[in-house]
Amino acid sequence: MDKQQILEQNKKKKRSGLDEREQKIYNVSFGLGAVVVGVLCLVFSIYRAVHFQAFYEFVSIITAYLCTTFLYQFKNIRRIPYLIAGIATGAAAFGCLILFFMV
């Protein structure tokens, strides 16, 4: 490829995608959203536990989110602890899902 073709491809990518600053804001916003979801699930779980009710659905939501995050990190970084954490949280999410439907 010559210099001109590379510049044209770069321009096409920038028109359709986000610049570096926008990508960072986009990623941070998802992180903050995940924290809010996690806190709400924790609050609802505590409330239901105090009232002696099952709260498997909230644990399933959080562990499924964590499973997805860990497996995505493993896919891109290739570190074994991410794979182990992804499998463990995936099993927890699946277990809580089953318990939710059984109880």
PDB file of N, CA and C in Angstrom:
ATOM      1  N   MET A   1       0.848  -1.190   0.000  1.00  0.00           N
ATOM      2  CA  MET A   1       0.000   0.000   0.000  1.00  0.00           C
ATOM      3  C   MET A   1       0.886   1.242   0.000  1.00  0.00           C
ATOM      4  N   ASP A   2       0.446   2.211  -0.733  1.00  0.00           N
ATOM      5  CA  ASP A   2       1.190   3.454  -0.707  1.00  0.00           C
ATOM      6  C   ASP A   2       0.585   4.401   0.340  1.00  0.00           C
ATOM      7  N   LYS A   3       1.250   5.500   0.526  1.00  0.00           N
ATOM      8  CA  LYS A   3       0.865   6.460   1.565  1.00  0.00           C
ATOM      9  C   LYS A   3      -0.547   6.992   1.338  1.00  0.00           C
ATOM     10  N   GLN A   4      -0.910   7.253   0.129  1.00  0.00           N
ATOM     11  CA  GLN A   4      -2.218   7.818  -0.204  1.00  0.00           C
ATOM     12  C   GLN A   4      -3.340   6.845   0.155  1.00  0.00           C
ATOM     13  N   GLN A   5      -3.162   5.565  -0.137  1.00  0.00           N
ATOM     14  CA  GLN A   5      -4.185   4.564   0.189  1.00  0.00           C
ATOM     15  C   GLN A   5      -4.371   4.449   1.709  1.00  0.00           C
ATOM     16  N   ILE A   6      -3.272   4.491   2.435  1.00  0.00           N
ATOM     17  CA  ILE A   6      -3.352   4.414   3.896  1.00  0.00           C
ATOM     18  C   ILE A   6      -4.105   5.611   4.451  1.00  0.00           C
ATOM     19  N   LEU A   7      -3.825   6.792   3.928  1.00  0.00           N
ATOM     20  CA  LEU A   7      -4.534   7.996   4.377  1.00  0.00           C
ATOM     21  C   LEU A   7      -6.023   7.919   4.070  1.00  0.00           C
ATOM     22  N   GLU A   8      -6.383   7.404   2.909  1.00  0.00           N
ATOM     23  CA  GLU A   8      -7.794   7.267   2.540  1.00  0.00           C
ATOM     24  C   GLU A   8      -8.511   6.286   3.455  1.00  0.00           C
ATOM     25  N   GLN A   9      -7.868   5.173   3.753  1.00  0.00           N
ATOM     26  CA  GLN A   9      -8.478   4.195   4.661  1.00  0.00           C
ATOM     27  C   GLN A   9      -8.665   4.786   6.051  1.00  0.00           C
ATOM     28  N   ASN A  10      -7.682   5.543   6.503  1.00  0.00           N
ATOM     29  CA  ASN A  10      -7.758   6.166   7.817  1.00  0.00           C
ATOM     30  C   ASN A  10      -8.901   7.178   7.874  1.00  0.00           C
ATOM     31  N   LYS A  11      -9.098   7.937   6.809  1.00  0.00           N
ATOM     32  CA  LYS A  11     -10.194   8.900   6.759  1.00  0.00           C
ATOM     33  C   LYS A  11     -11.546   8.197   6.807  1.00  0.00           C
ATOM     34  N   LYS A  12     -11.662   7.081   6.092  1.00  0.00           N
ATOM     35  CA  LYS A  12     -12.916   6.322   6.106  1.00  0.00           C
ATOM     36  C   LYS A  12     -13.225   5.791   7.503  1.00  0.00           C
ATOM     37  N   LYS A  13     -12.214   5.291   8.186  1.00  0.00           N
ATOM     38  CA  LYS A  13     -12.407   4.780   9.538  1.00  0.00           C
ATOM     39  C   LYS A  13     -12.841   5.891  10.484  1.00  0.00           C
ATOM     40  N   LYS A  14     -12.226   7.045  10.380  1.00  0.00           N
ATOM     41  CA  LYS A  14     -12.540   8.145  11.287  1.00  0.00           C
ATOM     42  C   LYS A  14     -13.934   8.691  11.059  1.00  0.00           C
ATOM     43  N   ARG A  15     -14.412   8.677   9.835  1.00  0.00           N
ATOM     44  CA  ARG A  15     -15.763   9.165   9.565  1.00  0.00           C
ATOM     45  C   ARG A  15     -16.816   8.260  10.193  1.00  0.00           C
ATOM     46  N   SER A  16     -16.581   6.957  10.150  1.00  0.00           N
ATOM     47  CA  SER A  16     -17.587   6.023  10.625  1.00  0.00           C
ATOM     48  C   SER A  16     -17.412   5.678  12.102  1.00  0.00           C
ATOM     49  N   GLY A  17     -16.242   5.908  12.673  1.00  0.00           N
ATOM     50  CA  GLY A  17     -15.981   5.506  14.047  1.00  0.00           C
ATOM     51  C   GLY A  17     -15.818   6.687  14.983  1.00  0.00           C
ATOM     52  N   LEU A  18     -15.417   6.360  16.191  1.00  0.00           N
ATOM     53  CA  LEU A  18     -15.194   7.363  17.214  1.00  0.00           C
ATOM     54  C   LEU A  18     -13.707   7.692  17.282  1.00  0.00           C
ATOM     55  N   ASP A  19     -13.389   8.934  17.631  1.00  0.00           N
ATOM     56  CA  ASP A  19     -11.984   9.247  17.835  1.00  0.00           C
ATOM     57  C   ASP A  19     -11.561   8.718  19.210  1.00  0.00           C
ATOM     58  N   GLU A  20     -10.306   8.860  19.526  1.00  0.00           N
ATOM     59  CA  GLU A  20      -9.763   8.269  20.757  1.00  0.00           C
ATOM     60  C   GLU A  20     -10.449   8.812  22.009  1.00  0.00           C
ATOM     61  N   ARG A  21     -10.709  10.095  22.052  1.00  0.00           N
ATOM     62  CA  ARG A  21     -11.381  10.705  23.208  1.00  0.00           C
ATOM     63  C   ARG A  21     -12.803  10.170  23.350  1.00  0.00           C
ATOM     64  N   GLU A  22     -13.518  10.094  22.249  1.00  0.00           N
ATOM     65  CA  GLU A  22     -14.888   9.576  22.286  1.00  0.00           C
ATOM     66  C   GLU A  22     -14.922   8.114  22.705  1.00  0.00           C
ATOM     67  N   GLN A  23     -13.934   7.323  22.257  1.00  0.00           N
ATOM     68  CA  GLN A  23     -13.857   5.920  22.649  1.00  0.00           C
ATOM     69  C   GLN A  23     -13.644   5.783  24.149  1.00  0.00           C
ATOM     70  N   LYS A  24     -12.780   6.621  24.714  1.00  0.00           N
ATOM     71  CA  LYS A  24     -12.524   6.571  26.155  1.00  0.00           C
ATOM     72  C   LYS A  24     -13.785   6.923  26.930  1.00  0.00           C
ATOM     73  N   ILE A  25     -14.489   7.957  26.512  1.00  0.00           N
ATOM     74  CA  ILE A  25     -15.730   8.362  27.176  1.00  0.00           C
ATOM     75  C   ILE A  25     -16.761   7.248  27.063  1.00  0.00           C
ATOM     76  N   TYR A  26     -16.858   6.654  25.910  1.00  0.00           N
ATOM     77  CA  TYR A  26     -17.785   5.550  25.669  1.00  0.00           C
ATOM     78  C   TYR A  26     -17.496   4.380  26.612  1.00  0.00           C
ATOM     79  N   ASN A  27     -16.222   4.005  26.723  1.00  0.00           N
ATOM     80  CA  ASN A  27     -15.828   2.893  27.585  1.00  0.00           C
ATOM     81  C   ASN A  27     -16.062   3.209  29.059  1.00  0.00           C
ATOM     82  N   VAL A  28     -15.722   4.409  29.496  1.00  0.00           N
ATOM     83  CA  VAL A  28     -15.928   4.795  30.891  1.00  0.00           C
ATOM     84  C   VAL A  28     -17.412   4.820  31.225  1.00  0.00           C
ATOM     85  N   SER A  29     -18.230   5.258  30.286  1.00  0.00           N
ATOM     86  CA  SER A  29     -19.674   5.313  30.543  1.00  0.00           C
ATOM     87  C   SER A  29     -20.242   3.917  30.782  1.00  0.00           C
ATOM     88  N   PHE A  30     -19.761   2.924  30.039  1.00  0.00           N
ATOM     89  CA  PHE A  30     -20.216   1.555  30.276  1.00  0.00           C
ATOM     90  C   PHE A  30     -19.742   1.046  31.631  1.00  0.00           C
ATOM     91  N   GLY A  31     -18.541   1.414  32.019  1.00  0.00           N
ATOM     92  CA  GLY A  31     -18.028   1.028  33.334  1.00  0.00           C
ATOM     93  C   GLY A  31     -18.860   1.624  34.454  1.00  0.00           C
ATOM     94  N   LEU A  32     -19.200   2.896  34.326  1.00  0.00           N
ATOM     95  CA  LEU A  32     -20.031   3.544  35.346  1.00  0.00           C
ATOM     96  C   LEU A  32     -21.428   2.947  35.377  1.00  0.00           C
ATOM     97  N   GLY A  33     -21.961   2.649  34.219  1.00  0.00           N
ATOM     98  CA  GLY A  33     -23.273   2.005  34.156  1.00  0.00           C
ATOM     99  C   GLY A  33     -23.262   0.652  34.838  1.00  0.00           C
ATOM    100  N   ALA A  34     -22.183  -0.100  34.663  1.00  0.00           N
ATOM    101  CA  ALA A  34     -22.057  -1.408  35.303  1.00  0.00           C
ATOM    102  C   ALA A  34     -21.994  -1.268  36.819  1.00  0.00           C
ATOM    103  N   VAL A  35     -21.307  -0.236  37.302  1.00  0.00           N
ATOM    104  CA  VAL A  35     -21.246   0.003  38.749  1.00  0.00           C
ATOM    105  C   VAL A  35     -22.631   0.298  39.300  1.00  0.00           C
ATOM    106  N   VAL A  36     -23.391   1.108  38.600  1.00  0.00           N
ATOM    107  CA  VAL A  36     -24.746   1.439  39.054  1.00  0.00           C
ATOM    108  C   VAL A  36     -25.626   0.188  39.073  1.00  0.00           C
ATOM    109  N   VAL A  37     -25.553  -0.618  38.035  1.00  0.00           N
ATOM    110  CA  VAL A  37     -26.328  -1.862  37.995  1.00  0.00           C
ATOM    111  C   VAL A  37     -25.907  -2.770  39.147  1.00  0.00           C
ATOM    112  N   GLY A  38     -24.616  -2.872  39.396  1.00  0.00           N
ATOM    113  CA  GLY A  38     -24.115  -3.700  40.487  1.00  0.00           C
ATOM    114  C   GLY A  38     -24.602  -3.232  41.846  1.00  0.00           C
ATOM    115  N   VAL A  39     -24.569  -1.938  42.072  1.00  0.00           N
ATOM    116  CA  VAL A  39     -25.038  -1.390  43.352  1.00  0.00           C
ATOM    117  C   VAL A  39     -26.531  -1.634  43.516  1.00  0.00           C
ATOM    118  N   LEU A  40     -27.299  -1.412  42.473  1.00  0.00           N
ATOM    119  CA  LEU A  40     -28.747  -1.653  42.565  1.00  0.00           C
ATOM    120  C   LEU A  40     -29.055  -3.124  42.827  1.00  0.00           C
ATOM    121  N   CYS A  41     -28.354  -4.018  42.154  1.00  0.00           N
ATOM    122  CA  CYS A  41     -28.560  -5.445  42.398  1.00  0.00           C
ATOM    123  C   CYS A  41     -28.196  -5.805  43.834  1.00  0.00           C
ATOM    124  N   LEU A  42     -27.136  -5.218  44.344  1.00  0.00           N
ATOM    125  CA  LEU A  42     -26.743  -5.464  45.726  1.00  0.00           C
ATOM    126  C   LEU A  42     -27.805  -4.967  46.701  1.00  0.00           C
ATOM    127  N   VAL A  43     -28.312  -3.772  46.476  1.00  0.00           N
ATOM    128  CA  VAL A  43     -29.358  -3.213  47.343  1.00  0.00           C
ATOM    129  C   VAL A  43     -30.608  -4.089  47.302  1.00  0.00           C
ATOM    130  N   PHE A  44     -31.035  -4.472  46.113  1.00  0.00           N
ATOM    131  CA  PHE A  44     -32.238  -5.315  45.992  1.00  0.00           C
ATOM    132  C   PHE A  44     -32.008  -6.688  46.622  1.00  0.00           C
ATOM    133  N   SER A  45     -30.796  -7.224  46.469  1.00  0.00           N
ATOM    134  CA  SER A  45     -30.487  -8.529  47.064  1.00  0.00           C
ATOM    135  C   SER A  45     -30.526  -8.455  48.585  1.00  0.00           C
ATOM    136  N   ILE A  46     -29.937  -7.425  49.146  1.00  0.00           N
ATOM    137  CA  ILE A  46     -29.949  -7.258  50.602  1.00  0.00           C
ATOM    138  C   ILE A  46     -31.374  -7.095  51.103  1.00  0.00           C
ATOM    139  N   TYR A  47     -32.159  -6.302  50.422  1.00  0.00           N
ATOM    140  CA  TYR A  47     -33.556  -6.099  50.825  1.00  0.00           C
ATOM    141  C   TYR A  47     -34.312  -7.425  50.841  1.00  0.00           C
ATOM    142  N   ARG A  48     -34.139  -8.197  49.772  1.00  0.00           N
ATOM    143  CA  ARG A  48     -34.867  -9.468  49.686  1.00  0.00           C
ATOM    144  C   ARG A  48     -34.327 -10.481  50.689  1.00  0.00           C
ATOM    145  N   ALA A  49     -33.042 -10.462  50.965  1.00  0.00           N
ATOM    146  CA  ALA A  49     -32.463 -11.383  51.949  1.00  0.00           C
ATOM    147  C   ALA A  49     -32.966 -11.052  53.358  1.00  0.00           C
ATOM    148  N   VAL A  50     -33.056  -9.765  53.663  1.00  0.00           N
ATOM    149  CA  VAL A  50     -33.563  -9.342  54.979  1.00  0.00           C
ATOM    150  C   VAL A  50     -35.010  -9.790  55.168  1.00  0.00           C
ATOM    151  N   HIS A  51     -35.754  -9.836  54.092  1.00  0.00           N
ATOM    152  CA  HIS A  51     -37.159 -10.252  54.150  1.00  0.00           C
ATOM    153  C   HIS A  51     -37.329 -11.748  53.839  1.00  0.00           C
ATOM    154  N   PHE A  52     -36.216 -12.496  53.935  1.00  0.00           N
ATOM    155  CA  PHE A  52     -36.215 -13.948  53.749  1.00  0.00           C
ATOM    156  C   PHE A  52     -36.829 -14.374  52.420  1.00  0.00           C
ATOM    157  N   GLN A  53     -36.471 -13.654  51.375  1.00  0.00           N
ATOM    158  CA  GLN A  53     -36.909 -13.986  50.023  1.00  0.00           C
ATOM    159  C   GLN A  53     -35.688 -14.357  49.182  1.00  0.00           C
ATOM    160  N   ALA A  54     -35.907 -15.153  48.152  1.00  0.00           N
ATOM    161  CA  ALA A  54     -34.819 -15.534  47.246  1.00  0.00           C
ATOM    162  C   ALA A  54     -34.391 -14.332  46.409  1.00  0.00           C
ATOM    163  N   PHE A  55     -33.115 -14.260  46.144  1.00  0.00           N
ATOM    164  CA  PHE A  55     -32.590 -13.139  45.349  1.00  0.00           C
ATOM    165  C   PHE A  55     -31.627 -13.621  44.265  1.00  0.00           C
ATOM    166  N   TYR A  56     -31.891 -14.806  43.743  1.00  0.00           N
ATOM    167  CA  TYR A  56     -30.997 -15.414  42.757  1.00  0.00           C
ATOM    168  C   TYR A  56     -30.911 -14.606  41.458  1.00  0.00           C
ATOM    169  N   GLU A  57     -31.998 -13.966  41.084  1.00  0.00           N
ATOM    170  CA  GLU A  57     -31.978 -13.233  39.809  1.00  0.00           C
ATOM    171  C   GLU A  57     -30.957 -12.107  39.810  1.00  0.00           C
ATOM    172  N   PHE A  58     -30.781 -11.445  40.953  1.00  0.00           N
ATOM    173  CA  PHE A  58     -29.834 -10.335  41.018  1.00  0.00           C
ATOM    174  C   PHE A  58     -28.390 -10.837  40.995  1.00  0.00           C
ATOM    175  N   VAL A  59     -28.142 -11.938  41.693  1.00  0.00           N
ATOM    176  CA  VAL A  59     -26.806 -12.532  41.671  1.00  0.00           C
ATOM    177  C   VAL A  59     -26.487 -13.039  40.265  1.00  0.00           C
ATOM    178  N   SER A  60     -27.482 -13.585  39.593  1.00  0.00           N
ATOM    179  CA  SER A  60     -27.291 -14.065  38.230  1.00  0.00           C
ATOM    180  C   SER A  60     -26.921 -12.925  37.280  1.00  0.00           C
ATOM    181  N   ILE A  61     -27.556 -11.789  37.443  1.00  0.00           N
ATOM    182  CA  ILE A  61     -27.254 -10.622  36.592  1.00  0.00           C
ATOM    183  C   ILE A  61     -25.810 -10.185  36.784  1.00  0.00           C
ATOM    184  N   ILE A  62     -25.395 -10.046  38.038  1.00  0.00           N
ATOM    185  CA  ILE A  62     -24.033  -9.573  38.312  1.00  0.00           C
ATOM    186  C   ILE A  62     -22.985 -10.582  37.849  1.00  0.00           C
ATOM    187  N   THR A  63     -23.196 -11.860  38.153  1.00  0.00           N
ATOM    188  CA  THR A  63     -22.195 -12.850  37.762  1.00  0.00           C
ATOM    189  C   THR A  63     -22.140 -13.042  36.249  1.00  0.00           C
ATOM    190  N   ALA A  64     -23.263 -12.898  35.563  1.00  0.00           N
ATOM    191  CA  ALA A  64     -23.246 -12.980  34.100  1.00  0.00           C
ATOM    192  C   ALA A  64     -22.471 -11.803  33.506  1.00  0.00           C
ATOM    193  N   TYR A  65     -22.655 -10.630  34.090  1.00  0.00           N
ATOM    194  CA  TYR A  65     -21.893  -9.452  33.643  1.00  0.00           C
ATOM    195  C   TYR A  65     -20.399  -9.688  33.856  1.00  0.00           C
ATOM    196  N   LEU A  66     -20.031 -10.170  35.052  1.00  0.00           N
ATOM    197  CA  LEU A  66     -18.620 -10.415  35.346  1.00  0.00           C
ATOM    198  C   LEU A  66     -18.039 -11.490  34.442  1.00  0.00           C
ATOM    199  N   CYS A  67     -18.811 -12.535  34.172  1.00  0.00           N
ATOM    200  CA  CYS A  67     -18.363 -13.602  33.279  1.00  0.00           C
ATOM    201  C   CYS A  67     -18.041 -13.045  31.897  1.00  0.00           C
ATOM    202  N   THR A  68     -18.933 -12.247  31.379  1.00  0.00           N
ATOM    203  CA  THR A  68     -18.720 -11.650  30.063  1.00  0.00           C
ATOM    204  C   THR A  68     -17.474 -10.772  30.056  1.00  0.00           C
ATOM    205  N   THR A  69     -17.308  -9.978  31.090  1.00  0.00           N
ATOM    206  CA  THR A  69     -16.157  -9.089  31.189  1.00  0.00           C
ATOM    207  C   THR A  69     -14.855  -9.881  31.251  1.00  0.00           C
ATOM    208  N   PHE A  70     -14.807 -10.895  32.117  1.00  0.00           N
ATOM    209  CA  PHE A  70     -13.585 -11.687  32.259  1.00  0.00           C
ATOM    210  C   PHE A  70     -13.249 -12.450  30.978  1.00  0.00           C
ATOM    211  N   LEU A  71     -14.250 -13.025  30.332  1.00  0.00           N
ATOM    212  CA  LEU A  71     -13.972 -13.777  29.112  1.00  0.00           C
ATOM    213  C   LEU A  71     -13.530 -12.861  27.974  1.00  0.00           C
ATOM    214  N   TYR A  72     -14.069 -11.660  27.908  1.00  0.00           N
ATOM    215  CA  TYR A  72     -13.627 -10.701  26.896  1.00  0.00           C
ATOM    216  C   TYR A  72     -12.173 -10.290  27.168  1.00  0.00           C
ATOM    217  N   GLN A  73     -11.852 -10.080  28.448  1.00  0.00           N
ATOM    218  CA  GLN A  73     -10.473  -9.736  28.799  1.00  0.00           C
ATOM    219  C   GLN A  73      -9.536 -10.889  28.437  1.00  0.00           C
ATOM    220  N   PHE A  74      -9.957 -12.120  28.716  1.00  0.00           N
ATOM    221  CA  PHE A  74      -9.113 -13.266  28.358  1.00  0.00           C
ATOM    222  C   PHE A  74      -8.917 -13.355  26.849  1.00  0.00           C
ATOM    223  N   LYS A  75      -9.975 -13.132  26.099  1.00  0.00           N
ATOM    224  CA  LYS A  75      -9.888 -13.199  24.634  1.00  0.00           C
ATOM    225  C   LYS A  75      -8.855 -12.220  24.100  1.00  0.00           C
ATOM    226  N   ASN A  76      -8.772 -11.041  24.704  1.00  0.00           N
ATOM    227  CA  ASN A  76      -7.879 -10.004  24.193  1.00  0.00           C
ATOM    228  C   ASN A  76      -6.507  -9.981  24.859  1.00  0.00           C
ATOM    229  N   ILE A  77      -6.421 -10.382  26.127  1.00  0.00           N
ATOM    230  CA  ILE A  77      -5.151 -10.300  26.851  1.00  0.00           C
ATOM    231  C   ILE A  77      -4.472 -11.658  26.973  1.00  0.00           C
ATOM    232  N   ARG A  78      -5.244 -12.732  26.957  1.00  0.00           N
ATOM    233  CA  ARG A  78      -4.738 -14.107  27.023  1.00  0.00           C
ATOM    234  C   ARG A  78      -4.000 -14.408  28.326  1.00  0.00           C
ATOM    235  N   ARG A  79      -4.596 -14.007  29.445  1.00  0.00           N
ATOM    236  CA  ARG A  79      -4.044 -14.371  30.752  1.00  0.00           C
ATOM    237  C   ARG A  79      -4.993 -15.352  31.417  1.00  0.00           C
ATOM    238  N   ILE A  80      -4.435 -16.423  31.928  1.00  0.00           N
ATOM    239  CA  ILE A  80      -5.208 -17.531  32.491  1.00  0.00           C
ATOM    240  C   ILE A  80      -6.129 -17.107  33.645  1.00  0.00           C
ATOM    241  N   PRO A  81      -5.712 -16.207  34.546  1.00  0.00           N
ATOM    242  CA  PRO A  81      -6.631 -15.824  35.630  1.00  0.00           C
ATOM    243  C   PRO A  81      -7.976 -15.268  35.120  1.00  0.00           C
ATOM    244  N   TYR A  82      -7.963 -14.585  33.982  1.00  0.00           N
ATOM    245  CA  TYR A  82      -9.217 -14.089  33.413  1.00  0.00           C
ATOM    246  C   TYR A  82     -10.102 -15.238  32.955  1.00  0.00           C
ATOM    247  N   LEU A  83      -9.485 -16.270  32.391  1.00  0.00           N
ATOM    248  CA  LEU A  83     -10.243 -17.434  31.955  1.00  0.00           C
ATOM    249  C   LEU A  83     -10.856 -18.164  33.153  1.00  0.00           C
ATOM    250  N   ILE A  84     -10.061 -18.338  34.186  1.00  0.00           N
ATOM    251  CA  ILE A  84     -10.554 -19.020  35.391  1.00  0.00           C
ATOM    252  C   ILE A  84     -11.697 -18.224  36.022  1.00  0.00           C
ATOM    253  N   ALA A  85     -11.518 -16.911  36.139  1.00  0.00           N
ATOM    254  CA  ALA A  85     -12.569 -16.067  36.711  1.00  0.00           C
ATOM    255  C   ALA A  85     -13.817 -16.088  35.830  1.00  0.00           C
ATOM    256  N   GLY A  86     -13.636 -16.092  34.526  1.00  0.00           N
ATOM    257  CA  GLY A  86     -14.774 -16.136  33.610  1.00  0.00           C
ATOM    258  C   GLY A  86     -15.558 -17.429  33.729  1.00  0.00           C
ATOM    259  N   ILE A  87     -14.845 -18.534  33.827  1.00  0.00           N
ATOM    260  CA  ILE A  87     -15.519 -19.829  33.974  1.00  0.00           C
ATOM    261  C   ILE A  87     -16.238 -19.904  35.321  1.00  0.00           C
ATOM    262  N   ALA A  88     -15.577 -19.439  36.384  1.00  0.00           N
ATOM    263  CA  ALA A  88     -16.180 -19.491  37.721  1.00  0.00           C
ATOM    264  C   ALA A  88     -17.432 -18.620  37.809  1.00  0.00           C
ATOM    265  N   THR A  89     -17.344 -17.407  37.300  1.00  0.00           N
ATOM    266  CA  THR A  89     -18.522 -16.527  37.369  1.00  0.00           C
ATOM    267  C   THR A  89     -19.608 -16.996  36.414  1.00  0.00           C
ATOM    268  N   GLY A  90     -19.226 -17.617  35.316  1.00  0.00           N
ATOM    269  CA  GLY A  90     -20.227 -18.185  34.408  1.00  0.00           C
ATOM    270  C   GLY A  90     -20.980 -19.332  35.058  1.00  0.00           C
ATOM    271  N   ALA A  91     -20.239 -20.180  35.774  1.00  0.00           N
ATOM    272  CA  ALA A  91     -20.880 -21.277  36.494  1.00  0.00           C
ATOM    273  C   ALA A  91     -21.805 -20.739  37.581  1.00  0.00           C
ATOM    274  N   ALA A  92     -21.374 -19.695  38.279  1.00  0.00           N
ATOM    275  CA  ALA A  92     -22.217 -19.085  39.316  1.00  0.00           C
ATOM    276  C   ALA A  92     -23.482 -18.490  38.698  1.00  0.00           C
ATOM    277  N   ALA A  93     -23.338 -17.826  37.564  1.00  0.00           N
ATOM    278  CA  ALA A  93     -24.505 -17.243  36.891  1.00  0.00           C
ATOM    279  C   ALA A  93     -25.475 -18.324  36.462  1.00  0.00           C
ATOM    280  N   PHE A  94     -24.949 -19.396  35.897  1.00  0.00           N
ATOM    281  CA  PHE A  94     -25.798 -20.499  35.450  1.00  0.00           C
ATOM    282  C   PHE A  94     -26.484 -21.168  36.634  1.00  0.00           C
ATOM    283  N   GLY A  95     -25.730 -21.378  37.718  1.00  0.00           N
ATOM    284  CA  GLY A  95     -26.306 -21.976  38.918  1.00  0.00           C
ATOM    285  C   GLY A  95     -27.422 -21.127  39.510  1.00  0.00           C
ATOM    286  N   CYS A  96     -27.202 -19.831  39.580  1.00  0.00           N
ATOM    287  CA  CYS A  96     -28.236 -18.933  40.118  1.00  0.00           C
ATOM    288  C   CYS A  96     -29.450 -18.881  39.194  1.00  0.00           C
ATOM    289  N   LEU A  97     -29.227 -18.975  37.911  1.00  0.00           N
ATOM    290  CA  LEU A  97     -30.352 -18.993  36.963  1.00  0.00           C
ATOM    291  C   LEU A  97     -31.207 -20.234  37.176  1.00  0.00           C
ATOM    292  N   ILE A  98     -30.548 -21.370  37.351  1.00  0.00           N
ATOM    293  CA  ILE A  98     -31.290 -22.599  37.614  1.00  0.00           C
ATOM    294  C   ILE A  98     -32.056 -22.496  38.927  1.00  0.00           C
ATOM    295  N   LEU A  99     -31.389 -21.993  39.977  1.00  0.00           N
ATOM    296  CA  LEU A  99     -32.062 -21.840  41.273  1.00  0.00           C
ATOM    297  C   LEU A  99     -33.247 -20.882  41.178  1.00  0.00           C
ATOM    298  N   PHE A 100     -33.110 -19.841  40.373  1.00  0.00           N
ATOM    299  CA  PHE A 100     -34.203 -18.876  40.205  1.00  0.00           C
ATOM    300  C   PHE A 100     -35.455 -19.574  39.677  1.00  0.00           C
ATOM    301  N   PHE A 101     -35.282 -20.457  38.694  1.00  0.00           N
ATOM    302  CA  PHE A 101     -36.436 -21.121  38.112  1.00  0.00           C
ATOM    303  C   PHE A 101     -36.951 -22.275  38.975  1.00  0.00           C
ATOM    304  N   MET A 102     -36.100 -22.816  39.822  1.00  0.00           N
ATOM    305  CA  MET A 102     -36.526 -23.918  40.685  1.00  0.00           C
ATOM    306  C   MET A 102     -37.262 -23.439  41.943  1.00  0.00           C
ATOM    307  N   VAL A 103     -36.902 -22.266  42.428  1.00  0.00           N
ATOM    308  CA  VAL A 103     -37.495 -21.779  43.686  1.00  0.00           C
ATOM    309  C   VAL A 103     -38.767 -21.014  43.426  1.00  0.00           C
TER     310      VAL A 103
END
